[in-house]
């Protein structure tokens, strides 16, 4: 029932393909049918901004090829709320790593490791102005490079929590794949990684 010999504009599929939504009508500018850039859900967006509303309205116009506009908006709002909840989970996971750092039980990137991409040896979770005190390492204004290698286990746990599980939540909710957003990867993954971070911290404190 999927006649891929037809052009996208002429196709009448029984279900959506990637192209049907992301290249609607054969249009190749895939960015116009998306949300504002939020690092795949890792950052929050200003939902009152005109650009955000414009992109959301365009997105809904794609969904209502098959669904009602109300159904589309409510599902995308559920995605927004899921991303906000995921952000709270990551904040708790990050705090575990941060508290170890401030207590001297985690350390800035050791000098005997290869530097990050910018040539620095700075704690990977020292991101911008949010963690700019001397206790986080590096000079004022310097930012660490968020990474999953050349770092301690708890830093890698933080990276995977937000870089993998949180993005799965956004992708799963955006595509109606509830399993990816919950049991399979996303939300449950963040829960498991929070437990891993706390377990790491407890062992570090005991040692």
C-alpha atoms as a PDB file:
ATOM      1  CA  UNK A   1       0.000   0.000   0.000  1.00  0.00           C
ATOM      2  CA  UNK A   2       3.056   2.234  -0.107  1.00  0.00           C
ATOM      3  CA  UNK A   3       3.633   3.137  -3.743  1.00  0.00           C
ATOM      4  CA  UNK A   4       7.100   4.648  -3.654  1.00  0.00           C
ATOM      5  CA  UNK A   5       7.065   5.181  -7.417  1.00  0.00           C
ATOM      6  CA  UNK A   6       4.828   8.214  -6.839  1.00  0.00           C
ATOM      7  CA  UNK A   7       6.266  11.599  -6.033  1.00  0.00           C
ATOM      8  CA  UNK A   8       5.778  12.626  -2.434  1.00  0.00           C
ATOM      9  CA  UNK A   9       3.280  15.307  -3.397  1.00  0.00           C
ATOM     10  CA  UNK A  10       1.082  12.696  -5.143  1.00  0.00           C
ATOM     11  CA  UNK A  11       1.439   9.917  -2.587  1.00  0.00           C
ATOM     12  CA  UNK A  12      -1.535   8.874  -0.477  1.00  0.00           C
ATOM     13  CA  UNK A  13      -0.043   6.545   2.095  1.00  0.00           C
ATOM     14  CA  UNK A  14      -2.036   4.683   4.732  1.00  0.00           C
ATOM     15  CA  UNK A  15       0.572   5.701   7.303  1.00  0.00           C
ATOM     16  CA  UNK A  16       3.296   8.331   7.492  1.00  0.00           C
ATOM     17  CA  UNK A  17       6.819   7.792   6.258  1.00  0.00           C
ATOM     18  CA  UNK A  18       9.726   9.943   7.440  1.00  0.00           C
ATOM     19  CA  UNK A  19       9.494  11.948   4.227  1.00  0.00           C
ATOM     20  CA  UNK A  20       5.744  12.475   4.493  1.00  0.00           C
ATOM     21  CA  UNK A  21       6.201  14.590   7.624  1.00  0.00           C
ATOM     22  CA  UNK A  22       9.741  15.935   7.341  1.00  0.00           C
ATOM     23  CA  UNK A  23       9.642  16.637   3.585  1.00  0.00           C
ATOM     24  CA  UNK A  24       5.963  17.404   3.255  1.00  0.00           C
ATOM     25  CA  UNK A  25       4.906  17.916  -0.334  1.00  0.00           C
ATOM     26  CA  UNK A  26       8.411  17.061  -1.551  1.00  0.00           C
ATOM     27  CA  UNK A  27       9.958  20.108   0.140  1.00  0.00           C
ATOM     28  CA  UNK A  28      13.629  19.567   0.994  1.00  0.00           C
ATOM     29  CA  UNK A  29      13.974  22.171   3.750  1.00  0.00           C
ATOM     30  CA  UNK A  30      13.426  19.753   6.608  1.00  0.00           C
ATOM     31  CA  UNK A  31      14.172  22.395   9.248  1.00  0.00           C
ATOM     32  CA  UNK A  32      10.990  24.300   8.528  1.00  0.00           C
ATOM     33  CA  UNK A  33       8.924  21.379   9.823  1.00  0.00           C
ATOM     34  CA  UNK A  34      10.419  21.071  13.280  1.00  0.00           C
ATOM     35  CA  UNK A  35      10.596  22.839  16.606  1.00  0.00           C
ATOM     36  CA  UNK A  36      13.085  25.512  17.614  1.00  0.00           C
ATOM     37  CA  UNK A  37      16.520  24.003  18.200  1.00  0.00           C
ATOM     38  CA  UNK A  38      16.795  22.633  21.729  1.00  0.00           C
ATOM     39  CA  UNK A  39      19.643  20.131  21.354  1.00  0.00           C
ATOM     40  CA  UNK A  40      17.085  17.342  20.883  1.00  0.00           C
ATOM     41  CA  UNK A  41      15.219  18.242  24.052  1.00  0.00           C
ATOM     42  CA  UNK A  42      18.294  18.780  26.246  1.00  0.00           C
ATOM     43  CA  UNK A  43      17.522  22.510  26.516  1.00  0.00           C
ATOM     44  CA  UNK A  44      14.296  24.285  27.321  1.00  0.00           C
ATOM     45  CA  UNK A  45      12.721  26.636  24.796  1.00  0.00           C
ATOM     46  CA  UNK A  46      10.956  29.953  25.353  1.00  0.00           C
ATOM     47  CA  UNK A  47       7.460  28.791  24.531  1.00  0.00           C
ATOM     48  CA  UNK A  48       6.224  32.371  24.427  1.00  0.00           C
ATOM     49  CA  UNK A  49       8.574  33.398  21.641  1.00  0.00           C
ATOM     50  CA  UNK A  50       7.024  34.203  18.235  1.00  0.00           C
ATOM     51  CA  UNK A  51       9.472  31.888  16.452  1.00  0.00           C
ATOM     52  CA  UNK A  52       8.492  28.987  18.694  1.00  0.00           C
ATOM     53  CA  UNK A  53       4.777  29.561  17.999  1.00  0.00           C
ATOM     54  CA  UNK A  54       5.403  29.869  14.273  1.00  0.00           C
ATOM     55  CA  UNK A  55       7.269  26.562  14.154  1.00  0.00           C
ATOM     56  CA  UNK A  56       4.739  24.801  16.362  1.00  0.00           C
ATOM     57  CA  UNK A  57       1.863  25.983  14.147  1.00  0.00           C
ATOM     58  CA  UNK A  58       3.718  24.688  11.086  1.00  0.00           C
ATOM     59  CA  UNK A  59       4.340  21.366  12.817  1.00  0.00           C
ATOM     60  CA  UNK A  60       0.662  20.999  13.710  1.00  0.00           C
ATOM     61  CA  UNK A  61      -0.257  21.697  10.092  1.00  0.00           C
ATOM     62  CA  UNK A  62       1.661  18.534   9.156  1.00  0.00           C
ATOM     63  CA  UNK A  63       0.027  16.388  11.834  1.00  0.00           C
ATOM     64  CA  UNK A  64      -3.459  17.465  10.838  1.00  0.00           C
ATOM     65  CA  UNK A  65      -3.039  15.701   7.509  1.00  0.00           C
ATOM     66  CA  UNK A  66      -4.114  12.649   9.523  1.00  0.00           C
ATOM     67  CA  UNK A  67      -5.176  13.991  12.931  1.00  0.00           C
ATOM     68  CA  UNK A  68      -7.241  16.848  14.281  1.00  0.00           C
ATOM     69  CA  UNK A  69      -5.290  20.031  15.147  1.00  0.00           C
ATOM     70  CA  UNK A  70      -6.362  19.629  18.775  1.00  0.00           C
ATOM     71  CA  UNK A  71      -5.010  16.070  18.927  1.00  0.00           C
ATOM     72  CA  UNK A  72      -1.712  17.219  17.405  1.00  0.00           C
ATOM     73  CA  UNK A  73      -1.291  20.181  19.756  1.00  0.00           C
ATOM     74  CA  UNK A  74      -2.082  18.136  22.847  1.00  0.00           C
ATOM     75  CA  UNK A  75       0.420  15.443  21.906  1.00  0.00           C
ATOM     76  CA  UNK A  76       3.121  18.020  21.222  1.00  0.00           C
ATOM     77  CA  UNK A  77       2.320  19.706  24.517  1.00  0.00           C
ATOM     78  CA  UNK A  78       2.763  16.311  26.174  1.00  0.00           C
ATOM     79  CA  UNK A  79       6.201  16.180  24.534  1.00  0.00           C
ATOM     80  CA  UNK A  80       7.035  19.599  26.013  1.00  0.00           C
ATOM     81  CA  UNK A  81       5.987  18.478  29.483  1.00  0.00           C
ATOM     82  CA  UNK A  82       7.945  15.225  29.164  1.00  0.00           C
ATOM     83  CA  UNK A  83      11.072  17.210  28.262  1.00  0.00           C
ATOM     84  CA  UNK A  84      10.587  19.480  31.278  1.00  0.00           C
ATOM     85  CA  UNK A  85      10.187  16.472  33.574  1.00  0.00           C
ATOM     86  CA  UNK A  86      13.322  14.944  32.043  1.00  0.00           C
ATOM     87  CA  UNK A  87      15.180  18.173  32.756  1.00  0.00           C
ATOM     88  CA  UNK A  88      14.281  17.855  36.435  1.00  0.00           C
ATOM     89  CA  UNK A  89      15.601  14.288  36.489  1.00  0.00           C
ATOM     90  CA  UNK A  90      18.847  15.374  34.885  1.00  0.00           C
ATOM     91  CA  UNK A  91      19.189  18.246  37.350  1.00  0.00           C
ATOM     92  CA  UNK A  92      19.065  15.733  40.203  1.00  0.00           C
ATOM     93  CA  UNK A  93      21.634  13.517  38.477  1.00  0.00           C
ATOM     94  CA  UNK A  94      23.909  16.491  37.848  1.00  0.00           C
ATOM     95  CA  UNK A  95      23.654  17.581  41.479  1.00  0.00           C
ATOM     96  CA  UNK A  96      25.094  14.236  42.556  1.00  0.00           C
ATOM     97  CA  UNK A  97      28.169  14.841  40.390  1.00  0.00           C
ATOM     98  CA  UNK A  98      28.377  18.503  41.399  1.00  0.00           C
ATOM     99  CA  UNK A  99      28.282  17.720  45.115  1.00  0.00           C
ATOM    100  CA  UNK A 100      31.108  15.210  44.680  1.00  0.00           C
ATOM    101  CA  UNK A 101      33.092  17.858  42.836  1.00  0.00           C
ATOM    102  CA  UNK A 102      32.539  20.506  45.507  1.00  0.00           C
ATOM    103  CA  UNK A 103      33.423  17.986  48.234  1.00  0.00           C
ATOM    104  CA  UNK A 104      36.718  17.207  46.505  1.00  0.00           C
ATOM    105  CA  UNK A 105      35.735  13.629  45.663  1.00  0.00           C
ATOM    106  CA  UNK A 106      35.523  14.182  41.926  1.00  0.00           C
ATOM    107  CA  UNK A 107      38.190  16.158  40.161  1.00  0.00           C
ATOM    108  CA  UNK A 108      38.711  18.472  37.229  1.00  0.00           C
ATOM    109  CA  UNK A 109      40.037  16.777  34.146  1.00  0.00           C
ATOM    110  CA  UNK A 110      43.459  15.346  35.136  1.00  0.00           C
ATOM    111  CA  UNK A 111      46.490  16.815  33.397  1.00  0.00           C
ATOM    112  CA  UNK A 112      47.777  13.363  32.463  1.00  0.00           C
ATOM    113  CA  UNK A 113      44.788  12.791  30.170  1.00  0.00           C
ATOM    114  CA  UNK A 114      44.569  14.125  26.648  1.00  0.00           C
ATOM    115  CA  UNK A 115      42.919  17.571  26.613  1.00  0.00           C
ATOM    116  CA  UNK A 116      39.423  18.162  25.345  1.00  0.00           C
ATOM    117  CA  UNK A 117      38.807  19.445  21.812  1.00  0.00           C
ATOM    118  CA  UNK A 118      39.674  23.009  22.821  1.00  0.00           C
ATOM    119  CA  UNK A 119      42.998  21.993  24.370  1.00  0.00           C
ATOM    120  CA  UNK A 120      41.826  22.517  27.952  1.00  0.00           C
ATOM    121  CA  UNK A 121      41.811  20.337  31.053  1.00  0.00           C
ATOM    122  CA  UNK A 122      38.545  21.469  32.624  1.00  0.00           C
ATOM    123  CA  UNK A 123      35.844  19.507  34.454  1.00  0.00           C
ATOM    124  CA  UNK A 124      33.473  18.385  31.718  1.00  0.00           C
ATOM    125  CA  UNK A 125      30.339  19.491  33.573  1.00  0.00           C
ATOM    126  CA  UNK A 126      31.614  23.053  34.092  1.00  0.00           C
ATOM    127  CA  UNK A 127      29.284  24.447  31.469  1.00  0.00           C
ATOM    128  CA  UNK A 128      29.522  28.167  30.806  1.00  0.00           C
ATOM    129  CA  UNK A 129      28.529  30.743  33.380  1.00  0.00           C
ATOM    130  CA  UNK A 130      26.395  28.328  35.386  1.00  0.00           C
ATOM    131  CA  UNK A 131      29.357  26.761  37.186  1.00  0.00           C
ATOM    132  CA  UNK A 132      32.002  29.462  37.008  1.00  0.00           C
ATOM    133  CA  UNK A 133      33.530  29.447  40.477  1.00  0.00           C
ATOM    134  CA  UNK A 134      37.162  28.488  41.093  1.00  0.00           C
ATOM    135  CA  UNK A 135      36.039  25.294  42.821  1.00  0.00           C
ATOM    136  CA  UNK A 136      34.962  23.959  39.421  1.00  0.00           C
ATOM    137  CA  UNK A 137      38.445  24.380  37.940  1.00  0.00           C
ATOM    138  CA  UNK A 138      39.579  26.474  35.008  1.00  0.00           C
ATOM    139  CA  UNK A 139      39.836  30.234  34.748  1.00  0.00           C
ATOM    140  CA  UNK A 140      36.765  32.495  35.029  1.00  0.00           C
ATOM    141  CA  UNK A 141      34.770  32.360  31.827  1.00  0.00           C
ATOM    142  CA  UNK A 142      36.241  29.049  30.690  1.00  0.00           C
ATOM    143  CA  UNK A 143      33.780  26.292  29.904  1.00  0.00           C
ATOM    144  CA  UNK A 144      34.288  22.559  30.045  1.00  0.00           C
ATOM    145  CA  UNK A 145      33.554  20.318  27.087  1.00  0.00           C
ATOM    146  CA  UNK A 146      30.499  18.119  27.700  1.00  0.00           C
ATOM    147  CA  UNK A 147      31.806  14.659  26.843  1.00  0.00           C
ATOM    148  CA  UNK A 148      31.552  10.942  27.567  1.00  0.00           C
ATOM    149  CA  UNK A 149      35.251  10.066  27.525  1.00  0.00           C
ATOM    150  CA  UNK A 150      38.319  11.407  29.325  1.00  0.00           C
ATOM    151  CA  UNK A 151      36.144  11.949  32.375  1.00  0.00           C
ATOM    152  CA  UNK A 152      35.113  10.215  35.571  1.00  0.00           C
ATOM    153  CA  UNK A 153      32.376   7.584  35.666  1.00  0.00           C
ATOM    154  CA  UNK A 154      29.864   9.930  37.290  1.00  0.00           C
ATOM    155  CA  UNK A 155      30.473  12.574  34.614  1.00  0.00           C
ATOM    156  CA  UNK A 156      29.887   9.961  31.916  1.00  0.00           C
ATOM    157  CA  UNK A 157      26.668   8.930  33.663  1.00  0.00           C
ATOM    158  CA  UNK A 158      25.514  12.553  33.472  1.00  0.00           C
ATOM    159  CA  UNK A 159      26.426  12.759  29.795  1.00  0.00           C
ATOM    160  CA  UNK A 160      24.518   9.587  28.952  1.00  0.00           C
ATOM    161  CA  UNK A 161      21.504  10.612  31.032  1.00  0.00           C
ATOM    162  CA  UNK A 162      20.919  13.852  29.177  1.00  0.00           C
ATOM    163  CA  UNK A 163      22.661  13.095  25.885  1.00  0.00           C
ATOM    164  CA  UNK A 164      21.012   9.728  25.286  1.00  0.00           C
ATOM    165  CA  UNK A 165      17.988   9.116  27.514  1.00  0.00           C
ATOM    166  CA  UNK A 166      16.623  12.661  27.486  1.00  0.00           C
ATOM    167  CA  UNK A 167      16.889  12.909  23.712  1.00  0.00           C
ATOM    168  CA  UNK A 168      15.073   9.560  23.427  1.00  0.00           C
ATOM    169  CA  UNK A 169      12.228  11.090  25.405  1.00  0.00           C
ATOM    170  CA  UNK A 170      11.856  13.974  22.972  1.00  0.00           C
ATOM    171  CA  UNK A 171      12.204  11.781  19.889  1.00  0.00           C
ATOM    172  CA  UNK A 172       9.806   9.184  21.257  1.00  0.00           C
ATOM    173  CA  UNK A 173       7.155  11.726  22.195  1.00  0.00           C
ATOM    174  CA  UNK A 174       7.544  13.604  18.898  1.00  0.00           C
ATOM    175  CA  UNK A 175       6.970  10.433  16.879  1.00  0.00           C
ATOM    176  CA  UNK A 176       4.305   8.743  18.992  1.00  0.00           C
ATOM    177  CA  UNK A 177       6.736   6.053  20.138  1.00  0.00           C
ATOM    178  CA  UNK A 178       5.763   5.852  23.785  1.00  0.00           C
ATOM    179  CA  UNK A 179       7.990   2.854  24.440  1.00  0.00           C
ATOM    180  CA  UNK A 180      11.104   4.824  23.445  1.00  0.00           C
ATOM    181  CA  UNK A 181      10.023   7.698  25.667  1.00  0.00           C
ATOM    182  CA  UNK A 182       9.303   5.538  28.708  1.00  0.00           C
ATOM    183  CA  UNK A 183      10.067   1.847  29.288  1.00  0.00           C
ATOM    184  CA  UNK A 184      12.603   1.083  26.569  1.00  0.00           C
ATOM    185  CA  UNK A 185      15.005   3.993  26.865  1.00  0.00           C
ATOM    186  CA  UNK A 186      13.934   7.460  27.875  1.00  0.00           C
ATOM    187  CA  UNK A 187      12.307   8.052  31.240  1.00  0.00           C
ATOM    188  CA  UNK A 188      13.180   4.686  32.772  1.00  0.00           C
ATOM    189  CA  UNK A 189      16.731   5.076  31.471  1.00  0.00           C
ATOM    190  CA  UNK A 190      17.070   8.392  33.293  1.00  0.00           C
ATOM    191  CA  UNK A 191      15.747   6.764  36.470  1.00  0.00           C
ATOM    192  CA  UNK A 192      18.297   3.953  36.213  1.00  0.00           C
ATOM    193  CA  UNK A 193      21.156   6.353  35.539  1.00  0.00           C
ATOM    194  CA  UNK A 194      20.168   8.498  38.520  1.00  0.00           C
ATOM    195  CA  UNK A 195      20.429   5.373  40.681  1.00  0.00           C
ATOM    196  CA  UNK A 196      23.845   4.651  39.111  1.00  0.00           C
ATOM    197  CA  UNK A 197      25.038   8.172  39.927  1.00  0.00           C
ATOM    198  CA  UNK A 198      23.871   7.901  43.537  1.00  0.00           C
ATOM    199  CA  UNK A 199      25.486   4.476  43.889  1.00  0.00           C
ATOM    200  CA  UNK A 200      28.771   5.870  42.543  1.00  0.00           C
ATOM    201  CA  UNK A 201      28.572   8.767  45.001  1.00  0.00           C
ATOM    202  CA  UNK A 202      27.871   6.488  47.973  1.00  0.00           C
ATOM    203  CA  UNK A 203      30.858   4.306  47.108  1.00  0.00           C
ATOM    204  CA  UNK A 204      33.097   7.357  46.665  1.00  0.00           C
ATOM    205  CA  UNK A 205      32.051   8.724  50.052  1.00  0.00           C
ATOM    206  CA  UNK A 206      32.657   5.367  51.785  1.00  0.00           C
ATOM    207  CA  UNK A 207      36.110   5.078  50.238  1.00  0.00           C
END
